[in-house]
Amino acid sequence: YKKREPQSFSVVNDTYGNVQGYVQRTDDGKELQIDSRRMLWHVYQPEQDTDYGRSALITAYTHWWSKKNILPMRNIYIERVAGGFITVQTIEGDLTKLRGKDGITLSADNKKKLDDLVTNAQTSMGAVLPAGYELIVQVPGSTDAFEMSEMSCNKGIARALLQPNLLGFAEQGDYGSRGQSASQFDAWTLLLDMECGELANLINEQLIPELTLWNFGPDMEPPK
């Protein structure tokens, strides 16, 4: 068994829209003609397109794309500011003693040492600062914007795939009950049964008649 990309297949129709066969485009640019009797072609949501249907992932794409871009932003936020960042500033009470013509007087050597300190600071380190300066860890306010956005995207993906939120595939929200989850499970099972019925019709309409013809001849009716 070898995997084939679904987008490499296309339907060949006659003037009246009847399926005459299928074409597969290979990686080297060739087009392979496939007999319709040797192909099982399942169409999801055929009311949207009788030949190709409509993928259930189309409605989920926007939420997936948003989540895909939100996660790197959250990781950048955690890396840069979630643990706080260090600043060095003058102590307000000593400004009159240290202020010169160009601001706070600080030698180039001490300035370089302070820059290295801020760049390479670790959680378990200690440091002696020049007089009039203090080391401050700036910690921004916490935010749940990323978590809320991710939860919203998860719910959007689950709803696009017709998965109720109380089945455990996405965040359940603030409210829920066993009766409500049972009702959602029944509705979800009904949708799955409908899809299973379409797959069963595919087998009965496209595969079973051919198998019956090859094994029992044209006089035998295909079983239902």
C-alpha atoms as a PDB file:
ATOM      1  CA  TYR A   1       0.000   0.000   0.000  1.00  0.00           C
ATOM      2  CA  LYS A   2       1.351   3.393  -1.028  1.00  0.00           C
ATOM      3  CA  LYS A   3      -0.110   6.714  -0.084  1.00  0.00           C
ATOM      4  CA  ARG A   4      -1.441   8.943  -2.855  1.00  0.00           C
ATOM      5  CA  GLU A   5      -2.099  12.650  -2.485  1.00  0.00           C
ATOM      6  CA  PRO A   6      -5.860  13.231  -2.810  1.00  0.00           C
ATOM      7  CA  GLN A   7      -5.383  16.450  -4.786  1.00  0.00           C
ATOM      8  CA  SER A   8      -3.604  14.481  -7.518  1.00  0.00           C
ATOM      9  CA  PHE A   9      -6.909  12.874  -8.555  1.00  0.00           C
ATOM     10  CA  SER A  10      -9.622  14.524 -10.630  1.00  0.00           C
ATOM     11  CA  VAL A  11     -12.923  13.447 -12.164  1.00  0.00           C
ATOM     12  CA  VAL A  12     -13.506  13.095 -15.890  1.00  0.00           C
ATOM     13  CA  ASN A  13     -17.070  13.958 -16.931  1.00  0.00           C
ATOM     14  CA  ASP A  14     -18.914  13.758 -20.228  1.00  0.00           C
ATOM     15  CA  THR A  15     -20.999  16.549 -21.741  1.00  0.00           C
ATOM     16  CA  TYR A  16     -23.913  15.730 -19.430  1.00  0.00           C
ATOM     17  CA  GLY A  17     -21.864  15.619 -16.230  1.00  0.00           C
ATOM     18  CA  ASN A  18     -21.743  11.834 -15.918  1.00  0.00           C
ATOM     19  CA  VAL A  19     -18.575  10.357 -14.470  1.00  0.00           C
ATOM     20  CA  GLN A  20     -16.538   8.614 -17.167  1.00  0.00           C
ATOM     21  CA  GLY A  21     -13.397   7.932 -15.200  1.00  0.00           C
ATOM     22  CA  TYR A  22     -10.646   9.459 -13.138  1.00  0.00           C
ATOM     23  CA  VAL A  23      -7.245  11.003 -13.798  1.00  0.00           C
ATOM     24  CA  GLN A  24      -4.224  10.933 -11.527  1.00  0.00           C
ATOM     25  CA  ARG A  25      -1.440  13.478 -12.045  1.00  0.00           C
ATOM     26  CA  THR A  26       1.931  12.086 -11.017  1.00  0.00           C
ATOM     27  CA  ASP A  27       4.923  14.015  -9.703  1.00  0.00           C
ATOM     28  CA  ASP A  28       6.641  13.877 -13.091  1.00  0.00           C
ATOM     29  CA  GLY A  29       3.694  15.575 -14.814  1.00  0.00           C
ATOM     30  CA  LYS A  30       2.071  12.506 -16.353  1.00  0.00           C
ATOM     31  CA  GLU A  31      -1.688  11.903 -16.339  1.00  0.00           C
ATOM     32  CA  LEU A  32      -2.816   8.347 -15.628  1.00  0.00           C
ATOM     33  CA  GLN A  33      -6.279   7.349 -16.773  1.00  0.00           C
ATOM     34  CA  ILE A  34      -8.146   5.264 -14.167  1.00  0.00           C
ATOM     35  CA  ASP A  35     -11.212   3.193 -15.027  1.00  0.00           C
ATOM     36  CA  SER A  36     -14.197   4.201 -12.871  1.00  0.00           C
ATOM     37  CA  ARG A  37     -14.858   0.502 -12.164  1.00  0.00           C
ATOM     38  CA  ARG A  38     -11.511   0.275 -10.381  1.00  0.00           C
ATOM     39  CA  MET A  39     -12.007   3.312  -8.194  1.00  0.00           C
ATOM     40  CA  LEU A  40     -14.048   3.893  -5.028  1.00  0.00           C
ATOM     41  CA  TRP A  41     -14.837   7.610  -4.962  1.00  0.00           C
ATOM     42  CA  HIS A  42     -16.400   8.854  -1.735  1.00  0.00           C
ATOM     43  CA  VAL A  43     -17.858  12.374  -1.817  1.00  0.00           C
ATOM     44  CA  TYR A  44     -18.355  14.145   1.516  1.00  0.00           C
ATOM     45  CA  GLN A  45     -21.193  16.689   1.468  1.00  0.00           C
ATOM     46  CA  PRO A  46     -22.167  15.979  -2.159  1.00  0.00           C
ATOM     47  CA  GLU A  47     -24.824  18.692  -1.980  1.00  0.00           C
ATOM     48  CA  GLN A  48     -21.963  21.200  -2.200  1.00  0.00           C
ATOM     49  CA  ASP A  49     -20.280  19.544  -5.214  1.00  0.00           C
ATOM     50  CA  THR A  50     -21.416  16.282  -6.759  1.00  0.00           C
ATOM     51  CA  ASP A  51     -17.902  15.306  -7.903  1.00  0.00           C
ATOM     52  CA  TYR A  52     -15.653  16.543  -5.093  1.00  0.00           C
ATOM     53  CA  GLY A  53     -17.934  17.497  -2.219  1.00  0.00           C
ATOM     54  CA  ARG A  54     -16.689  19.873   0.457  1.00  0.00           C
ATOM     55  CA  SER A  55     -14.083  19.080   3.104  1.00  0.00           C
ATOM     56  CA  ALA A  56     -15.104  19.408   6.749  1.00  0.00           C
ATOM     57  CA  LEU A  57     -11.704  20.995   7.409  1.00  0.00           C
ATOM     58  CA  ILE A  58     -12.560  24.137   5.411  1.00  0.00           C
ATOM     59  CA  THR A  59     -14.648  25.587   8.234  1.00  0.00           C
ATOM     60  CA  ALA A  60     -11.947  24.650  10.755  1.00  0.00           C
ATOM     61  CA  TYR A  61      -9.092  26.226   8.799  1.00  0.00           C
ATOM     62  CA  THR A  62      -9.522  29.790  10.084  1.00  0.00           C
ATOM     63  CA  HIS A  63      -9.469  28.653  13.726  1.00  0.00           C
ATOM     64  CA  TRP A  64      -6.513  26.344  13.066  1.00  0.00           C
ATOM     65  CA  TRP A  65      -4.579  29.147  11.348  1.00  0.00           C
ATOM     66  CA  SER A  66      -5.261  31.510  14.256  1.00  0.00           C
ATOM     67  CA  LYS A  67      -4.122  28.927  16.824  1.00  0.00           C
ATOM     68  CA  LYS A  68      -1.013  28.168  14.784  1.00  0.00           C
ATOM     69  CA  ASN A  69       0.027  31.844  14.985  1.00  0.00           C
ATOM     70  CA  ILE A  70      -1.072  32.396  18.586  1.00  0.00           C
ATOM     71  CA  LEU A  71       1.137  29.633  20.014  1.00  0.00           C
ATOM     72  CA  PRO A  72       4.457  31.139  18.763  1.00  0.00           C
ATOM     73  CA  MET A  73       3.368  34.541  20.096  1.00  0.00           C
ATOM     74  CA  ARG A  74       2.667  32.996  23.507  1.00  0.00           C
ATOM     75  CA  ASN A  75       6.072  31.282  23.525  1.00  0.00           C
ATOM     76  CA  ILE A  76       7.788  34.579  22.658  1.00  0.00           C
ATOM     77  CA  TYR A  77       5.900  36.306  25.468  1.00  0.00           C
ATOM     78  CA  ILE A  78       6.930  33.615  27.966  1.00  0.00           C
ATOM     79  CA  GLU A  79      10.558  33.745  26.877  1.00  0.00           C
ATOM     80  CA  ARG A  80      10.885  37.518  26.939  1.00  0.00           C
ATOM     81  CA  VAL A  81       8.724  38.898  29.712  1.00  0.00           C
ATOM     82  CA  ALA A  82       6.942  36.179  31.698  1.00  0.00           C
ATOM     83  CA  GLY A  83       9.934  35.778  34.039  1.00  0.00           C
ATOM     84  CA  GLY A  84      10.518  39.519  34.272  1.00  0.00           C
ATOM     85  CA  PHE A  85      13.487  41.539  33.027  1.00  0.00           C
ATOM     86  CA  ILE A  86      16.203  43.455  34.851  1.00  0.00           C
ATOM     87  CA  THR A  87      16.742  47.198  34.779  1.00  0.00           C
ATOM     88  CA  VAL A  88      19.345  49.378  36.484  1.00  0.00           C
ATOM     89  CA  GLN A  89      18.324  52.848  37.547  1.00  0.00           C
ATOM     90  CA  THR A  90      19.492  55.583  39.850  1.00  0.00           C
ATOM     91  CA  ILE A  91      18.244  55.922  43.373  1.00  0.00           C
ATOM     92  CA  GLU A  92      16.135  59.053  43.489  1.00  0.00           C
ATOM     93  CA  GLY A  93      17.653  60.340  46.727  1.00  0.00           C
ATOM     94  CA  ASP A  94      21.204  60.323  45.275  1.00  0.00           C
ATOM     95  CA  LEU A  95      20.503  62.156  42.012  1.00  0.00           C
ATOM     96  CA  THR A  96      21.805  65.514  43.296  1.00  0.00           C
ATOM     97  CA  LYS A  97      25.131  63.933  44.233  1.00  0.00           C
ATOM     98  CA  LEU A  98      25.701  62.028  40.991  1.00  0.00           C
ATOM     99  CA  ARG A  99      24.239  64.255  38.297  1.00  0.00           C
ATOM    100  CA  GLY A 100      26.798  65.915  36.033  1.00  0.00           C
ATOM    101  CA  LYS A 101      26.534  67.919  32.847  1.00  0.00           C
ATOM    102  CA  ASP A 102      25.440  64.886  30.730  1.00  0.00           C
ATOM    103  CA  GLY A 103      23.292  63.192  33.350  1.00  0.00           C
ATOM    104  CA  ILE A 104      24.428  60.582  35.857  1.00  0.00           C
ATOM    105  CA  THR A 105      28.189  60.354  36.112  1.00  0.00           C
ATOM    106  CA  LEU A 106      29.372  56.791  35.430  1.00  0.00           C
ATOM    107  CA  SER A 107      32.732  55.641  34.140  1.00  0.00           C
ATOM    108  CA  ALA A 108      32.943  53.697  30.912  1.00  0.00           C
ATOM    109  CA  ASP A 109      34.315  50.677  32.754  1.00  0.00           C
ATOM    110  CA  ASN A 110      31.475  50.658  35.267  1.00  0.00           C
ATOM    111  CA  LYS A 111      28.944  51.187  32.505  1.00  0.00           C
ATOM    112  CA  LYS A 112      30.300  48.149  30.648  1.00  0.00           C
ATOM    113  CA  LYS A 113      30.129  46.090  33.825  1.00  0.00           C
ATOM    114  CA  LEU A 114      26.497  47.119  34.364  1.00  0.00           C
ATOM    115  CA  ASP A 115      25.657  46.210  30.772  1.00  0.00           C
ATOM    116  CA  ASP A 116      27.244  42.786  31.249  1.00  0.00           C
ATOM    117  CA  LEU A 117      25.385  42.356  34.512  1.00  0.00           C
ATOM    118  CA  VAL A 118      22.006  43.056  32.932  1.00  0.00           C
ATOM    119  CA  THR A 119      22.787  40.838  29.930  1.00  0.00           C
ATOM    120  CA  ASN A 120      24.062  37.845  31.905  1.00  0.00           C
ATOM    121  CA  ALA A 121      21.996  38.069  35.071  1.00  0.00           C
ATOM    122  CA  GLN A 122      20.948  34.762  36.625  1.00  0.00           C
ATOM    123  CA  THR A 123      18.420  33.963  39.326  1.00  0.00           C
ATOM    124  CA  SER A 124      21.029  32.855  41.903  1.00  0.00           C
ATOM    125  CA  MET A 125      23.571  35.628  41.416  1.00  0.00           C
ATOM    126  CA  GLY A 126      24.682  38.542  43.544  1.00  0.00           C
ATOM    127  CA  ALA A 127      26.169  41.872  42.517  1.00  0.00           C
ATOM    128  CA  VAL A 128      27.686  45.006  44.010  1.00  0.00           C
ATOM    129  CA  LEU A 129      26.419  48.152  42.263  1.00  0.00           C
ATOM    130  CA  PRO A 130      27.983  51.609  42.095  1.00  0.00           C
ATOM    131  CA  ALA A 131      26.704  54.101  44.640  1.00  0.00           C
ATOM    132  CA  GLY A 132      23.393  55.610  43.664  1.00  0.00           C
ATOM    133  CA  TYR A 133      22.193  52.717  41.485  1.00  0.00           C
ATOM    134  CA  GLU A 134      19.785  49.908  42.171  1.00  0.00           C
ATOM    135  CA  LEU A 135      18.849  46.690  40.378  1.00  0.00           C
ATOM    136  CA  ILE A 136      15.126  46.233  39.740  1.00  0.00           C
ATOM    137  CA  VAL A 137      13.310  43.230  38.295  1.00  0.00           C
ATOM    138  CA  GLN A 138      10.407  44.441  36.174  1.00  0.00           C
ATOM    139  CA  VAL A 139       7.562  41.905  36.084  1.00  0.00           C
ATOM    140  CA  PRO A 140       4.687  42.778  33.739  1.00  0.00           C
ATOM    141  CA  GLY A 141       1.132  42.084  34.738  1.00  0.00           C
ATOM    142  CA  SER A 142      -0.084  38.590  34.018  1.00  0.00           C
ATOM    143  CA  THR A 143      -2.427  38.065  31.082  1.00  0.00           C
ATOM    144  CA  ASP A 144      -4.728  35.248  30.081  1.00  0.00           C
ATOM    145  CA  ALA A 145      -5.265  36.628  26.583  1.00  0.00           C
ATOM    146  CA  PHE A 146      -3.278  33.801  24.978  1.00  0.00           C
ATOM    147  CA  GLU A 147      -5.111  31.090  26.912  1.00  0.00           C
ATOM    148  CA  MET A 148      -8.501  32.600  26.115  1.00  0.00           C
ATOM    149  CA  SER A 149      -7.617  32.877  22.427  1.00  0.00           C
ATOM    150  CA  GLU A 150      -6.379  29.279  22.317  1.00  0.00           C
ATOM    151  CA  MET A 151      -9.552  28.046  24.033  1.00  0.00           C
ATOM    152  CA  SER A 152     -11.673  29.967  21.533  1.00  0.00           C
ATOM    153  CA  CYS A 153      -9.756  28.402  18.633  1.00  0.00           C
ATOM    154  CA  ASN A 154     -10.132  24.916  20.125  1.00  0.00           C
ATOM    155  CA  LYS A 155     -13.874  25.392  20.419  1.00  0.00           C
ATOM    156  CA  GLY A 156     -14.058  26.706  16.868  1.00  0.00           C
ATOM    157  CA  ILE A 157     -12.190  23.663  15.534  1.00  0.00           C
ATOM    158  CA  ALA A 158     -14.364  21.270  17.527  1.00  0.00           C
ATOM    159  CA  ARG A 159     -17.584  22.910  16.323  1.00  0.00           C
ATOM    160  CA  ALA A 160     -16.373  22.940  12.741  1.00  0.00           C
ATOM    161  CA  LEU A 161     -15.861  19.176  13.012  1.00  0.00           C
ATOM    162  CA  LEU A 162     -19.283  18.810  14.678  1.00  0.00           C
ATOM    163  CA  GLN A 163     -17.802  17.721  18.005  1.00  0.00           C
ATOM    164  CA  PRO A 164     -19.841  18.887  21.035  1.00  0.00           C
ATOM    165  CA  ASN A 165     -17.809  20.585  23.739  1.00  0.00           C
ATOM    166  CA  LEU A 166     -18.988  18.260  26.540  1.00  0.00           C
ATOM    167  CA  LEU A 167     -17.442  15.174  24.938  1.00  0.00           C
ATOM    168  CA  GLY A 168     -13.973  16.143  26.155  1.00  0.00           C
ATOM    169  CA  PHE A 169     -12.372  17.090  22.833  1.00  0.00           C
ATOM    170  CA  ALA A 170     -12.263  20.811  23.701  1.00  0.00           C
ATOM    171  CA  GLU A 171     -12.736  23.118  26.680  1.00  0.00           C
ATOM    172  CA  GLN A 172     -16.098  22.427  28.279  1.00  0.00           C
ATOM    173  CA  GLY A 173     -16.850  25.943  29.481  1.00  0.00           C
ATOM    174  CA  ASP A 174     -18.346  27.029  32.787  1.00  0.00           C
ATOM    175  CA  TYR A 175     -21.592  25.092  32.621  1.00  0.00           C
ATOM    176  CA  GLY A 176     -22.518  21.517  31.869  1.00  0.00           C
ATOM    177  CA  SER A 177     -24.473  18.558  33.155  1.00  0.00           C
ATOM    178  CA  ARG A 178     -24.792  14.859  32.537  1.00  0.00           C
ATOM    179  CA  GLY A 179     -28.139  15.357  30.813  1.00  0.00           C
ATOM    180  CA  GLN A 180     -26.705  18.012  28.506  1.00  0.00           C
ATOM    181  CA  SER A 181     -23.650  15.899  27.663  1.00  0.00           C
ATOM    182  CA  ALA A 182     -25.904  12.897  26.961  1.00  0.00           C
ATOM    183  CA  SER A 183     -27.981  14.982  24.543  1.00  0.00           C
ATOM    184  CA  GLN A 184     -24.839  16.206  22.793  1.00  0.00           C
ATOM    185  CA  PHE A 185     -23.516  12.660  22.577  1.00  0.00           C
ATOM    186  CA  ASP A 186     -26.787  11.467  21.000  1.00  0.00           C
ATOM    187  CA  ALA A 187     -26.633  14.261  18.406  1.00  0.00           C
ATOM    188  CA  TRP A 188     -22.980  13.477  17.666  1.00  0.00           C
ATOM    189  CA  THR A 189     -23.786   9.758  17.295  1.00  0.00           C
ATOM    190  CA  LEU A 190     -26.583  10.631  14.873  1.00  0.00           C
ATOM    191  CA  LEU A 191     -24.141  12.584  12.684  1.00  0.00           C
ATOM    192  CA  LEU A 192     -21.644   9.715  12.771  1.00  0.00           C
ATOM    193  CA  ASP A 193     -24.391   7.257  11.815  1.00  0.00           C
ATOM    194  CA  MET A 194     -25.268   9.437   8.831  1.00  0.00           C
ATOM    195  CA  GLU A 195     -21.663   9.426   7.653  1.00  0.00           C
ATOM    196  CA  CYS A 196     -21.403   5.658   8.212  1.00  0.00           C
ATOM    197  CA  GLY A 197     -24.555   5.257   6.115  1.00  0.00           C
ATOM    198  CA  GLU A 198     -22.961   7.224   3.271  1.00  0.00           C
ATOM    199  CA  LEU A 199     -19.872   5.004   3.416  1.00  0.00           C
ATOM    200  CA  ALA A 200     -22.102   1.912   3.396  1.00  0.00           C
ATOM    201  CA  ASN A 201     -23.908   3.238   0.318  1.00  0.00           C
ATOM    202  CA  LEU A 202     -20.532   3.751  -1.344  1.00  0.00           C
ATOM    203  CA  ILE A 203     -19.660   0.078  -0.813  1.00  0.00           C
ATOM    204  CA  ASN A 204     -23.092  -1.136  -1.905  1.00  0.00           C
ATOM    205  CA  GLU A 205     -23.228   1.026  -5.019  1.00  0.00           C
ATOM    206  CA  GLN A 206     -19.629   0.942  -6.277  1.00  0.00           C
ATOM    207  CA  LEU A 207     -17.978  -2.234  -4.966  1.00  0.00           C
ATOM    208  CA  ILE A 208     -20.586  -4.943  -4.339  1.00  0.00           C
ATOM    209  CA  PRO A 209     -22.106  -4.902  -7.877  1.00  0.00           C
ATOM    210  CA  GLU A 210     -18.665  -5.375  -9.443  1.00  0.00           C
ATOM    211  CA  LEU A 211     -17.755  -8.205  -7.071  1.00  0.00           C
ATOM    212  CA  THR A 212     -21.085  -9.911  -7.726  1.00  0.00           C
ATOM    213  CA  LEU A 213     -20.629  -9.592 -11.486  1.00  0.00           C
ATOM    214  CA  TRP A 214     -17.097 -11.013 -11.432  1.00  0.00           C
ATOM    215  CA  ASN A 215     -17.919 -13.938  -9.149  1.00  0.00           C
ATOM    216  CA  PHE A 216     -21.508 -14.905 -10.043  1.00  0.00           C
ATOM    217  CA  GLY A 217     -22.175 -13.473 -13.486  1.00  0.00           C
ATOM    218  CA  PRO A 218     -24.737 -10.947 -14.769  1.00  0.00           C
ATOM    219  CA  ASP A 219     -27.765 -13.004 -13.714  1.00  0.00           C
ATOM    220  CA  MET A 220     -27.112 -12.661  -9.971  1.00  0.00           C
ATOM    221  CA  GLU A 221     -28.567  -9.615  -8.194  1.00  0.00           C
ATOM    222  CA  PRO A 222     -26.126  -7.857  -5.856  1.00  0.00           C
ATOM    223  CA  PRO A 223     -26.943  -8.407  -2.163  1.00  0.00           C
ATOM    224  CA  LYS A 224     -28.143  -5.453  -0.112  1.00  0.00           C
END
